[in-house]
C-alpha atoms as a PDB file:
ATOM      1  CA  MET A   1     249.331-129.881 197.746  1.00  0.00           C
ATOM      2  CA  LEU A   2     245.719-131.767 196.768  1.00  0.00           C
ATOM      3  CA  VAL A   3     245.759-129.792 193.536  1.00  0.00           C
ATOM      4  CA  THR A   4     249.400-130.333 192.919  1.00  0.00           C
ATOM      5  CA  ASN A   5     248.740-133.851 193.207  1.00  0.00           C
ATOM      6  CA  THR A   6     245.484-133.596 190.818  1.00  0.00           C
ATOM      7  CA  ILE A   7     247.440-131.632 188.229  1.00  0.00           C
ATOM      8  CA  LEU A   8     250.543-134.140 188.259  1.00  0.00           C
ATOM      9  CA  THR A   9     248.197-137.693 187.977  1.00  0.00           C
ATOM     10  CA  SER A  10     245.540-136.235 185.636  1.00  0.00           C
ATOM     11  CA  ALA A  11     247.858-137.521 182.902  1.00  0.00           C
ATOM     12  CA  VAL A  12     248.076-140.620 184.440  1.00  0.00           C
ATOM     13  CA  THR A  13     246.880-143.939 182.181  1.00  0.00           C
ATOM     14  CA  PHE A  14     245.387-146.743 184.053  1.00  0.00           C
ATOM     15  CA  ILE A  15     244.959-149.929 182.904  1.00  0.00           C
ATOM     16  CA  LEU A  16     242.210-152.382 183.775  1.00  0.00           C
ATOM     17  CA  MET A  17     243.363-156.244 183.871  1.00  0.00           C
ATOM     18  CA  GLY A  18     240.143-157.307 184.091  1.00  0.00           C
ATOM     19  CA  PHE A  19     240.625-161.315 183.237  1.00  0.00           C
ATOM     20  CA  LEU A  20     243.320-160.958 180.824  1.00  0.00           C
ATOM     21  CA  GLU A  21     245.026-164.123 182.779  1.00  0.00           C
ATOM     22  CA  TYR A  22     242.482-166.095 181.076  1.00  0.00           C
ATOM     23  CA  PRO A  23     242.474-165.372 177.529  1.00  0.00           C
ATOM     24  CA  ASP A  24     240.694-168.435 176.010  1.00  0.00           C
ATOM     25  CA  LEU A  25     237.564-167.143 178.185  1.00  0.00           C
ATOM     26  CA  GLN A  26     237.302-163.729 177.039  1.00  0.00           C
ATOM     27  CA  VAL A  27     234.185-164.317 174.684  1.00  0.00           C
ATOM     28  CA  PRO A  28     232.360-166.510 176.834  1.00  0.00           C
ATOM     29  CA  LEU A  29     232.613-163.967 179.542  1.00  0.00           C
ATOM     30  CA  PHE A  30     231.694-161.457 177.463  1.00  0.00           C
ATOM     31  CA  LEU A  31     228.338-162.937 176.338  1.00  0.00           C
ATOM     32  CA  LEU A  32     227.719-164.450 179.974  1.00  0.00           C
ATOM     33  CA  PHE A  33     227.991-160.815 180.941  1.00  0.00           C
ATOM     34  CA  LEU A  34     226.251-159.191 178.365  1.00  0.00           C
ATOM     35  CA  THR A  35     223.308-161.437 178.973  1.00  0.00           C
ATOM     36  CA  ILE A  36     223.214-160.755 182.846  1.00  0.00           C
ATOM     37  CA  TYR A  37     223.529-157.027 182.264  1.00  0.00           C
ATOM     38  CA  THR A  38     220.613-157.416 179.106  1.00  0.00           C
ATOM     39  CA  ILE A  39     218.315-159.194 181.883  1.00  0.00           C
ATOM     40  CA  THR A  40     219.498-156.514 184.612  1.00  0.00           C
ATOM     41  CA  VAL A  41     218.425-153.615 182.706  1.00  0.00           C
ATOM     42  CA  VAL A  42     214.916-155.249 181.576  1.00  0.00           C
ATOM     43  CA  GLY A  43     214.432-156.492 185.066  1.00  0.00           C
ATOM     44  CA  ASN A  44     215.114-153.412 186.974  1.00  0.00           C
ATOM     45  CA  LEU A  45     213.374-151.238 184.533  1.00  0.00           C
ATOM     46  CA  GLY A  46     210.404-153.763 184.238  1.00  0.00           C
ATOM     47  CA  MET A  47     210.116-153.726 188.148  1.00  0.00           C
ATOM     48  CA  ILE A  48     209.990-149.740 188.100  1.00  0.00           C
ATOM     49  CA  ALA A  49     207.514-149.822 185.471  1.00  0.00           C
ATOM     50  CA  ILE A  50     205.299-152.432 186.639  1.00  0.00           C
ATOM     51  CA  ILE A  51     205.232-150.233 190.236  1.00  0.00           C
ATOM     52  CA  ARG A  52     204.776-146.981 188.509  1.00  0.00           C
ATOM     53  CA  LEU A  53     201.760-148.333 186.321  1.00  0.00           C
ATOM     54  CA  ASN A  54     200.328-150.492 189.228  1.00  0.00           C
ATOM     55  CA  PRO A  55     198.063-148.587 191.587  1.00  0.00           C
ATOM     56  CA  LYS A  56     197.822-151.691 193.854  1.00  0.00           C
ATOM     57  CA  LEU A  57     201.842-151.638 194.308  1.00  0.00           C
ATOM     58  CA  HIS A  58     201.734-147.499 195.274  1.00  0.00           C
ATOM     59  CA  THR A  59     202.947-148.695 199.199  1.00  0.00           C
ATOM     60  CA  PRO A  60     206.166-147.593 201.111  1.00  0.00           C
ATOM     61  CA  MET A  61     207.171-151.173 200.324  1.00  0.00           C
ATOM     62  CA  TYR A  62     207.306-151.125 196.543  1.00  0.00           C
ATOM     63  CA  PHE A  63     208.154-147.544 196.569  1.00  0.00           C
ATOM     64  CA  PHE A  64     211.748-148.421 198.238  1.00  0.00           C
ATOM     65  CA  LEU A  65     211.720-151.408 196.014  1.00  0.00           C
ATOM     66  CA  SER A  66     211.635-149.089 193.013  1.00  0.00           C
ATOM     67  CA  HIS A  67     214.569-147.194 194.050  1.00  0.00           C
ATOM     68  CA  LEU A  68     216.462-149.897 195.058  1.00  0.00           C
ATOM     69  CA  SER A  69     215.709-151.245 191.120  1.00  0.00           C
ATOM     70  CA  PHE A  70     216.870-148.006 190.233  1.00  0.00           C
ATOM     71  CA  VAL A  71     220.200-147.946 192.292  1.00  0.00           C
ATOM     72  CA  ASP A  72     220.671-151.543 190.715  1.00  0.00           C
ATOM     73  CA  PHE A  73     220.298-150.166 187.515  1.00  0.00           C
ATOM     74  CA  CYS A  74     222.648-147.399 187.796  1.00  0.00           C
ATOM     75  CA  TYR A  75     225.360-149.505 189.728  1.00  0.00           C
ATOM     76  CA  SER A  76     225.500-152.402 187.010  1.00  0.00           C
ATOM     77  CA  THR A  77     225.697-149.594 183.966  1.00  0.00           C
ATOM     78  CA  VAL A  78     228.663-147.854 185.857  1.00  0.00           C
ATOM     79  CA  VAL A  79     230.775-150.961 186.160  1.00  0.00           C
ATOM     80  CA  THR A  80     229.338-153.408 183.504  1.00  0.00           C
ATOM     81  CA  PRO A  81     229.619-151.670 180.206  1.00  0.00           C
ATOM     82  CA  LYS A  82     233.258-151.232 180.643  1.00  0.00           C
ATOM     83  CA  LEU A  83     233.624-154.708 181.732  1.00  0.00           C
ATOM     84  CA  LEU A  84     232.129-155.787 178.405  1.00  0.00           C
ATOM     85  CA  GLU A  85     234.320-153.220 176.503  1.00  0.00           C
ATOM     86  CA  ASN A  86     237.853-154.810 177.788  1.00  0.00           C
ATOM     87  CA  LEU A  87     236.524-158.262 177.091  1.00  0.00           C
ATOM     88  CA  ILE A  88     236.610-157.398 173.437  1.00  0.00           C
ATOM     89  CA  VAL A  89     239.555-154.810 172.594  1.00  0.00           C
ATOM     90  CA  GLU A  90     242.902-154.906 173.215  1.00  0.00           C
ATOM     91  CA  ASP A  91     242.880-151.417 174.523  1.00  0.00           C
ATOM     92  CA  ARG A  92     242.083-151.588 178.102  1.00  0.00           C
ATOM     93  CA  ARG A  93     243.204-148.224 179.219  1.00  0.00           C
ATOM     94  CA  ILE A  94     241.303-145.791 181.406  1.00  0.00           C
ATOM     95  CA  SER A  95     242.109-142.358 181.987  1.00  0.00           C
ATOM     96  CA  PHE A  96     242.679-141.280 185.843  1.00  0.00           C
ATOM     97  CA  THR A  97     239.507-139.252 185.459  1.00  0.00           C
ATOM     98  CA  GLY A  98     237.776-141.978 184.242  1.00  0.00           C
ATOM     99  CA  CYS A  99     238.639-144.111 187.078  1.00  0.00           C
ATOM    100  CA  VAL A 100     238.223-141.591 189.225  1.00  0.00           C
ATOM    101  CA  MET A 101     234.628-141.245 188.410  1.00  0.00           C
ATOM    102  CA  GLN A 102     233.821-144.631 188.250  1.00  0.00           C
ATOM    103  CA  PHE A 103     234.699-145.249 191.650  1.00  0.00           C
ATOM    104  CA  PHE A 104     232.649-142.392 192.785  1.00  0.00           C
ATOM    105  CA  PHE A 105     229.641-143.311 191.212  1.00  0.00           C
ATOM    106  CA  ALA A 106     230.067-147.060 192.185  1.00  0.00           C
ATOM    107  CA  CYS A 107     230.259-145.629 195.731  1.00  0.00           C
ATOM    108  CA  VAL A 108     227.523-143.568 195.285  1.00  0.00           C
ATOM    109  CA  PHE A 109     225.315-146.316 194.511  1.00  0.00           C
ATOM    110  CA  VAL A 110     226.645-148.964 196.575  1.00  0.00           C
ATOM    111  CA  VAL A 111     226.480-146.936 199.580  1.00  0.00           C
ATOM    112  CA  THR A 112     223.121-146.010 198.558  1.00  0.00           C
ATOM    113  CA  GLU A 113     221.850-149.702 198.430  1.00  0.00           C
ATOM    114  CA  THR A 114     223.479-150.662 201.845  1.00  0.00           C
ATOM    115  CA  PHE A 115     221.079-148.286 203.878  1.00  0.00           C
ATOM    116  CA  MET A 116     218.077-148.649 201.300  1.00  0.00           C
ATOM    117  CA  LEU A 117     217.873-152.425 202.395  1.00  0.00           C
ATOM    118  CA  ALA A 118     218.210-151.082 205.733  1.00  0.00           C
ATOM    119  CA  VAL A 119     215.137-148.804 205.320  1.00  0.00           C
ATOM    120  CA  MET A 120     213.331-151.580 203.828  1.00  0.00           C
ATOM    121  CA  ALA A 121     213.888-153.659 207.045  1.00  0.00           C
ATOM    122  CA  TYR A 122     212.477-150.785 209.269  1.00  0.00           C
ATOM    123  CA  ASP A 123     209.403-150.716 206.581  1.00  0.00           C
ATOM    124  CA  ARG A 124     208.564-154.125 207.022  1.00  0.00           C
ATOM    125  CA  PHE A 125     209.234-153.718 211.048  1.00  0.00           C
ATOM    126  CA  VAL A 126     206.410-151.074 210.860  1.00  0.00           C
ATOM    127  CA  ALA A 127     204.224-153.152 208.920  1.00  0.00           C
ATOM    128  CA  VAL A 128     204.396-156.165 210.991  1.00  0.00           C
ATOM    129  CA  CYS A 129     204.600-154.673 214.901  1.00  0.00           C
ATOM    130  CA  ASN A 130     202.015-151.720 214.007  1.00  0.00           C
ATOM    131  CA  PRO A 131     199.701-152.555 211.027  1.00  0.00           C
ATOM    132  CA  LEU A 132     196.826-150.166 212.167  1.00  0.00           C
ATOM    133  CA  LEU A 133     199.409-147.090 212.130  1.00  0.00           C
ATOM    134  CA  TYR A 134     201.650-148.218 209.068  1.00  0.00           C
ATOM    135  CA  THR A 135     199.861-145.889 206.659  1.00  0.00           C
ATOM    136  CA  VAL A 136     200.071-143.097 209.052  1.00  0.00           C
ATOM    137  CA  ALA A 137     203.906-143.771 210.080  1.00  0.00           C
ATOM    138  CA  MET A 138     204.893-144.617 206.839  1.00  0.00           C
ATOM    139  CA  SER A 139     203.941-141.249 205.523  1.00  0.00           C
ATOM    140  CA  PRO A 140     204.724-140.097 201.797  1.00  0.00           C
ATOM    141  CA  LYS A 141     206.956-137.156 203.413  1.00  0.00           C
ATOM    142  CA  LEU A 142     208.864-139.999 205.806  1.00  0.00           C
ATOM    143  CA  CYS A 143     209.354-142.291 202.528  1.00  0.00           C
ATOM    144  CA  TRP A 144     210.880-139.457 200.526  1.00  0.00           C
ATOM    145  CA  SER A 145     213.005-138.377 203.427  1.00  0.00           C
ATOM    146  CA  LEU A 146     214.428-141.836 204.177  1.00  0.00           C
ATOM    147  CA  VAL A 147     215.253-142.381 200.317  1.00  0.00           C
ATOM    148  CA  ALA A 148     216.827-138.837 200.078  1.00  0.00           C
ATOM    149  CA  ALA A 149     218.887-139.558 203.226  1.00  0.00           C
ATOM    150  CA  SER A 150     219.983-142.614 201.954  1.00  0.00           C
ATOM    151  CA  TYR A 151     221.224-140.998 198.258  1.00  0.00           C
ATOM    152  CA  SER A 152     222.824-137.808 200.577  1.00  0.00           C
ATOM    153  CA  TRP A 153     224.949-139.867 202.810  1.00  0.00           C
ATOM    154  CA  ALA A 154     225.798-141.721 199.740  1.00  0.00           C
ATOM    155  CA  ILE A 155     227.019-138.661 197.982  1.00  0.00           C
ATOM    156  CA  PHE A 156     228.718-137.078 200.937  1.00  0.00           C
ATOM    157  CA  LEU A 157     230.566-140.391 201.996  1.00  0.00           C
ATOM    158  CA  SER A 158     231.518-140.804 198.109  1.00  0.00           C
ATOM    159  CA  PHE A 159     232.886-137.198 198.055  1.00  0.00           C
ATOM    160  CA  ILE A 160     235.282-137.685 201.019  1.00  0.00           C
ATOM    161  CA  PHE A 161     236.619-141.168 199.618  1.00  0.00           C
ATOM    162  CA  ILE A 162     237.233-139.150 196.177  1.00  0.00           C
ATOM    163  CA  TYR A 163     238.987-136.291 198.100  1.00  0.00           C
ATOM    164  CA  PHE A 164     241.455-138.570 199.903  1.00  0.00           C
ATOM    165  CA  LEU A 165     242.159-140.533 196.941  1.00  0.00           C
ATOM    166  CA  LEU A 166     243.032-137.433 195.019  1.00  0.00           C
ATOM    167  CA  THR A 167     245.793-136.299 198.037  1.00  0.00           C
ATOM    168  CA  LEU A 168     247.419-139.523 196.444  1.00  0.00           C
ATOM    169  CA  PHE A 169     250.441-139.393 193.774  1.00  0.00           C
ATOM    170  CA  PHE A 170     250.449-141.470 190.832  1.00  0.00           C
ATOM    171  CA  CYS A 171     252.822-141.733 187.881  1.00  0.00           C
ATOM    172  CA  GLY A 172     253.121-143.501 184.564  1.00  0.00           C
ATOM    173  CA  THR A 173     250.935-145.796 183.283  1.00  0.00           C
ATOM    174  CA  LYS A 174     249.656-148.523 186.112  1.00  0.00           C
ATOM    175  CA  PHE A 175     247.941-151.787 185.794  1.00  0.00           C
ATOM    176  CA  ILE A 176     244.846-152.088 188.127  1.00  0.00           C
ATOM    177  CA  ASN A 177     244.392-155.805 188.915  1.00  0.00           C
ATOM    178  CA  ASN A 178     240.478-155.696 188.493  1.00  0.00           C
ATOM    179  CA  PHE A 179     237.968-155.026 186.029  1.00  0.00           C
ATOM    180  CA  VAL A 180     236.605-152.105 187.920  1.00  0.00           C
ATOM    181  CA  CYS A 181     238.339-148.663 189.908  1.00  0.00           C
ATOM    182  CA  GLU A 182     237.725-150.346 192.809  1.00  0.00           C
ATOM    183  CA  HIS A 183     239.689-148.641 195.764  1.00  0.00           C
ATOM    184  CA  SER A 184     241.947-151.147 196.930  1.00  0.00           C
ATOM    185  CA  ALA A 185     242.786-151.974 193.623  1.00  0.00           C
ATOM    186  CA  ILE A 186     243.372-148.262 192.955  1.00  0.00           C
ATOM    187  CA  VAL A 187     245.284-147.149 195.876  1.00  0.00           C
ATOM    188  CA  ALA A 188     247.652-150.704 195.567  1.00  0.00           C
ATOM    189  CA  VAL A 189     248.892-148.524 192.258  1.00  0.00           C
ATOM    190  CA  SER A 190     249.838-145.567 194.038  1.00  0.00           C
ATOM    191  CA  CYS A 191     253.300-143.871 194.286  1.00  0.00           C
ATOM    192  CA  SER A 192     252.705-142.470 197.896  1.00  0.00           C
ATOM    193  CA  ASP A 193     251.519-144.201 200.851  1.00  0.00           C
ATOM    194  CA  PRO A 194     247.580-144.897 200.841  1.00  0.00           C
ATOM    195  CA  TYR A 195     247.235-145.453 204.648  1.00  0.00           C
ATOM    196  CA  ILE A 196     245.155-142.508 205.430  1.00  0.00           C
ATOM    197  CA  SER A 197     243.079-143.320 202.304  1.00  0.00           C
ATOM    198  CA  GLN A 198     242.449-146.936 203.405  1.00  0.00           C
ATOM    199  CA  LYS A 199     241.751-146.001 207.191  1.00  0.00           C
ATOM    200  CA  VAL A 200     239.193-143.333 205.835  1.00  0.00           C
ATOM    201  CA  ILE A 201     237.427-145.666 203.879  1.00  0.00           C
ATOM    202  CA  PHE A 202     237.985-148.623 206.348  1.00  0.00           C
ATOM    203  CA  ILE A 203     236.178-146.610 209.074  1.00  0.00           C
ATOM    204  CA  PHE A 204     233.460-145.039 207.182  1.00  0.00           C
ATOM    205  CA  ALA A 205     232.726-148.772 205.355  1.00  0.00           C
ATOM    206  CA  THR A 206     232.683-150.214 208.756  1.00  0.00           C
ATOM    207  CA  PHE A 207     230.415-147.706 209.987  1.00  0.00           C
ATOM    208  CA  ASN A 208     227.976-148.328 207.137  1.00  0.00           C
ATOM    209  CA  GLU A 209     228.259-151.790 207.391  1.00  0.00           C
ATOM    210  CA  LEU A 210     227.636-152.080 211.287  1.00  0.00           C
ATOM    211  CA  SER A 211     225.027-149.375 211.403  1.00  0.00           C
ATOM    212  CA  SER A 212     223.093-150.534 208.683  1.00  0.00           C
ATOM    213  CA  LEU A 213     223.409-154.669 209.849  1.00  0.00           C
ATOM    214  CA  MET A 214     221.981-152.892 213.330  1.00  0.00           C
ATOM    215  CA  ILE A 215     218.814-151.511 211.654  1.00  0.00           C
ATOM    216  CA  ILE A 216     218.126-154.791 209.814  1.00  0.00           C
ATOM    217  CA  ILE A 217     218.877-157.222 212.618  1.00  0.00           C
ATOM    218  CA  THR A 218     216.874-155.072 215.299  1.00  0.00           C
ATOM    219  CA  SER A 219     214.012-154.732 213.109  1.00  0.00           C
ATOM    220  CA  TYR A 220     213.788-158.343 212.429  1.00  0.00           C
ATOM    221  CA  VAL A 221     214.292-159.466 216.143  1.00  0.00           C
ATOM    222  CA  PHE A 222     211.012-157.184 216.778  1.00  0.00           C
ATOM    223  CA  ILE A 223     209.336-158.667 213.540  1.00  0.00           C
ATOM    224  CA  VAL A 224     210.021-162.218 215.050  1.00  0.00           C
ATOM    225  CA  ILE A 225     208.615-161.518 218.287  1.00  0.00           C
ATOM    226  CA  SER A 226     205.481-160.414 216.419  1.00  0.00           C
ATOM    227  CA  VAL A 227     205.190-163.028 214.677  1.00  0.00           C
ATOM    228  CA  MET A 228     205.538-165.407 217.233  1.00  0.00           C
ATOM    229  CA  LYS A 229     202.376-163.815 219.128  1.00  0.00           C
ATOM    230  CA  MET A 230     200.089-164.304 216.260  1.00  0.00           C
ATOM    231  CA  PRO A 231     197.728-166.951 216.817  1.00  0.00           C
ATOM    232  CA  THR A 232     197.143-168.552 213.558  1.00  0.00           C
ATOM    233  CA  THR A 233     199.981-170.345 211.422  1.00  0.00           C
ATOM    234  CA  GLY A 234     198.121-168.641 208.411  1.00  0.00           C
ATOM    235  CA  GLY A 235     199.290-164.832 209.680  1.00  0.00           C
ATOM    236  CA  ARG A 236     202.693-165.782 210.169  1.00  0.00           C
ATOM    237  CA  TYR A 237     203.187-167.576 206.885  1.00  0.00           C
ATOM    238  CA  LYS A 238     202.107-164.573 205.583  1.00  0.00           C
ATOM    239  CA  VAL A 239     204.293-162.423 206.976  1.00  0.00           C
ATOM    240  CA  PHE A 240     207.303-164.644 206.423  1.00  0.00           C
ATOM    241  CA  SER A 241     206.695-164.923 202.819  1.00  0.00           C
ATOM    242  CA  THR A 242     206.405-161.184 202.317  1.00  0.00           C
ATOM    243  CA  CYS A 243     209.757-160.685 204.183  1.00  0.00           C
ATOM    244  CA  ALA A 244     211.321-164.057 202.663  1.00  0.00           C
ATOM    245  CA  SER A 245     212.562-161.731 199.254  1.00  0.00           C
ATOM    246  CA  HIS A 246     213.886-158.716 201.337  1.00  0.00           C
ATOM    247  CA  LEU A 247     215.649-161.275 203.589  1.00  0.00           C
ATOM    248  CA  THR A 248     217.079-163.275 200.642  1.00  0.00           C
ATOM    249  CA  ALA A 249     218.595-159.796 199.182  1.00  0.00           C
ATOM    250  CA  ILE A 250     219.727-158.780 202.241  1.00  0.00           C
ATOM    251  CA  SER A 251     221.751-162.007 202.702  1.00  0.00           C
ATOM    252  CA  ILE A 252     223.186-162.008 199.531  1.00  0.00           C
ATOM    253  CA  PHE A 253     224.583-158.314 199.306  1.00  0.00           C
ATOM    254  CA  HIS A 254     226.025-157.922 202.751  1.00  0.00           C
ATOM    255  CA  GLY A 255     227.393-161.888 202.480  1.00  0.00           C
ATOM    256  CA  THR A 256     229.473-160.777 199.544  1.00  0.00           C
ATOM    257  CA  ILE A 257     230.235-157.472 201.177  1.00  0.00           C
ATOM    258  CA  LEU A 258     231.615-158.961 204.519  1.00  0.00           C
ATOM    259  CA  PHE A 259     233.348-162.146 202.523  1.00  0.00           C
ATOM    260  CA  LEU A 260     235.171-158.966 200.575  1.00  0.00           C
ATOM    261  CA  TYR A 261     236.059-157.572 204.136  1.00  0.00           C
ATOM    262  CA  CYS A 262     237.582-160.884 205.216  1.00  0.00           C
ATOM    263  CA  VAL A 263     239.768-161.457 201.815  1.00  0.00           C
ATOM    264  CA  PRO A 264     243.142-159.614 202.222  1.00  0.00           C
ATOM    265  CA  THR A 265     244.258-158.041 199.256  1.00  0.00           C
ATOM    266  CA  THR A 266     247.537-159.761 198.717  1.00  0.00           C
ATOM    267  CA  LYS A 267     248.782-160.856 195.273  1.00  0.00           C
ATOM    268  CA  SER A 268     247.313-164.458 195.516  1.00  0.00           C
ATOM    269  CA  SER A 269     244.033-163.410 196.671  1.00  0.00           C
ATOM    270  CA  TRP A 270     242.944-160.702 193.696  1.00  0.00           C
ATOM    271  CA  LEU A 271     241.161-163.386 191.612  1.00  0.00           C
ATOM    272  CA  LEU A 272     238.619-163.836 195.019  1.00  0.00           C
ATOM    273  CA  VAL A 273     238.561-160.124 195.064  1.00  0.00           C
ATOM    274  CA  LYS A 274     237.650-160.257 191.131  1.00  0.00           C
ATOM    275  CA  VAL A 275     235.040-162.983 191.682  1.00  0.00           C
ATOM    276  CA  ALA A 276     233.753-161.423 194.912  1.00  0.00           C
ATOM    277  CA  SER A 277     233.479-157.926 192.550  1.00  0.00           C
ATOM    278  CA  VAL A 278     231.658-159.506 189.909  1.00  0.00           C
ATOM    279  CA  PHE A 279     229.252-160.835 192.332  1.00  0.00           C
ATOM    280  CA  TYR A 280     228.311-157.600 194.161  1.00  0.00           C
ATOM    281  CA  THR A 281     228.671-155.383 191.026  1.00  0.00           C
ATOM    282  CA  VAL A 282     227.159-157.513 187.947  1.00  0.00           C
ATOM    283  CA  ILE A 283     225.364-160.628 189.374  1.00  0.00           C
ATOM    284  CA  ILE A 284     223.202-158.720 192.498  1.00  0.00           C
ATOM    285  CA  PRO A 285     222.091-156.076 190.343  1.00  0.00           C
ATOM    286  CA  MET A 286     220.158-158.881 188.721  1.00  0.00           C
ATOM    287  CA  LEU A 287     219.167-161.245 191.168  1.00  0.00           C
ATOM    288  CA  ASN A 288     216.904-158.187 193.447  1.00  0.00           C
ATOM    289  CA  PRO A 289     214.360-157.919 190.491  1.00  0.00           C
ATOM    290  CA  LEU A 290     214.234-161.660 189.883  1.00  0.00           C
ATOM    291  CA  ILE A 291     214.093-162.344 193.680  1.00  0.00           C
ATOM    292  CA  TYR A 292     211.259-160.111 194.157  1.00  0.00           C
ATOM    293  CA  SER A 293     209.359-160.978 191.187  1.00  0.00           C
ATOM    294  CA  LEU A 294     209.404-164.753 191.961  1.00  0.00           C
ATOM    295  CA  ARG A 295     208.588-164.595 195.452  1.00  0.00           C
ATOM    296  CA  ASN A 296     206.134-161.976 195.906  1.00  0.00           C
ATOM    297  CA  LYS A 297     202.327-162.621 194.727  1.00  0.00           C
ATOM    298  CA  ASP A 298     201.482-158.963 194.164  1.00  0.00           C
ATOM    299  CA  VAL A 299     204.486-157.948 191.857  1.00  0.00           C
ATOM    300  CA  LYS A 300     203.779-161.593 189.713  1.00  0.00           C
ATOM    301  CA  ASP A 301     199.738-160.610 189.658  1.00  0.00           C
ATOM    302  CA  ALA A 302     200.915-157.188 188.387  1.00  0.00           C
ATOM    303  CA  ILE A 303     203.043-158.228 185.664  1.00  0.00           C
ATOM    304  CA  ARG A 304     200.471-161.061 184.371  1.00  0.00           C
ATOM    305  CA  LYS A 305     198.222-158.139 184.914  1.00  0.00           C
ATOM    306  CA  GLN A 306     200.480-155.825 182.432  1.00  0.00           C
ATOM    307  CA  ILE A 307     201.144-158.688 180.254  1.00  0.00           C
ATOM    308  CA  SER A 308     197.450-159.705 179.386  1.00  0.00           C
ATOM    309  CA  SER A 309     196.007-155.901 179.258  1.00  0.00           C
ATOM    310  CA  PRO A 310     197.309-155.578 175.709  1.00  0.00           C
ATOM    311  CA  LEU A 311     195.530-158.896 174.992  1.00  0.00           C
ATOM    312  CA  LEU A 312     192.353-157.596 176.541  1.00  0.00           C
ATOM    313  CA  LEU A 313     192.716-154.553 174.343  1.00  0.00           C
END
């Protein structure tokens, strides 16, 4: 059945509607998203380079941050170029295979980011609550294992989602009311009942959100308890300033995801879905490197050092 559906739907063409209902905004939106994507690429690749080049940043926290930047870069690159193309060309078609591949890679990177943020919360918990054992507890082997587990789980889930998506039957040319091949938009144009596929992705998405938030909330509860026991306000301020960037990134990412959960995919709500999708696929990958560079003293010092180094030569 799966093979038959795949063969029958392989010739199906999707048309990404994007923001077609606002023709006067196509060029301004193109310039806006191009600027955002440029900042995203420079910011995330720059963050990775700064962390790799500066020995002072060779710690578990910045190791995880470099992978977060890599995920943000990849995630934005999966979505934004097609968005930019559709804003300036009349032909907004995308093949069934291309749409499925975009959905697959988008799933991989968004799930990876979900658990990477949880891993970073655990890292902050160990650093604050067990500072003397931090280097031993967060060994390079454990750090690589946590990162590998995040990627592996994301890839595994993405294959499951793709499997159930391919059990659906699609026919003819279909208009996808979004700028990205997102699951709810794809199944909305299916010619067969998408109930099972929707249930599967809902169950796993709920598990991912609850489990990652549980790790984050538990970690920060213990962090707050440890901070309140500190005798000096200077020590408290240092810990909170270190965690502030991570908490900001978590709030923006999970806040947007939870907002999408609360918006029903009715005809009247598709604009809200699109705006929220823009936020977590285009805006957040740009914000993360800015948040960590502007609020983190070590990163700012490393950037100043890299900028001034050529002048010293």
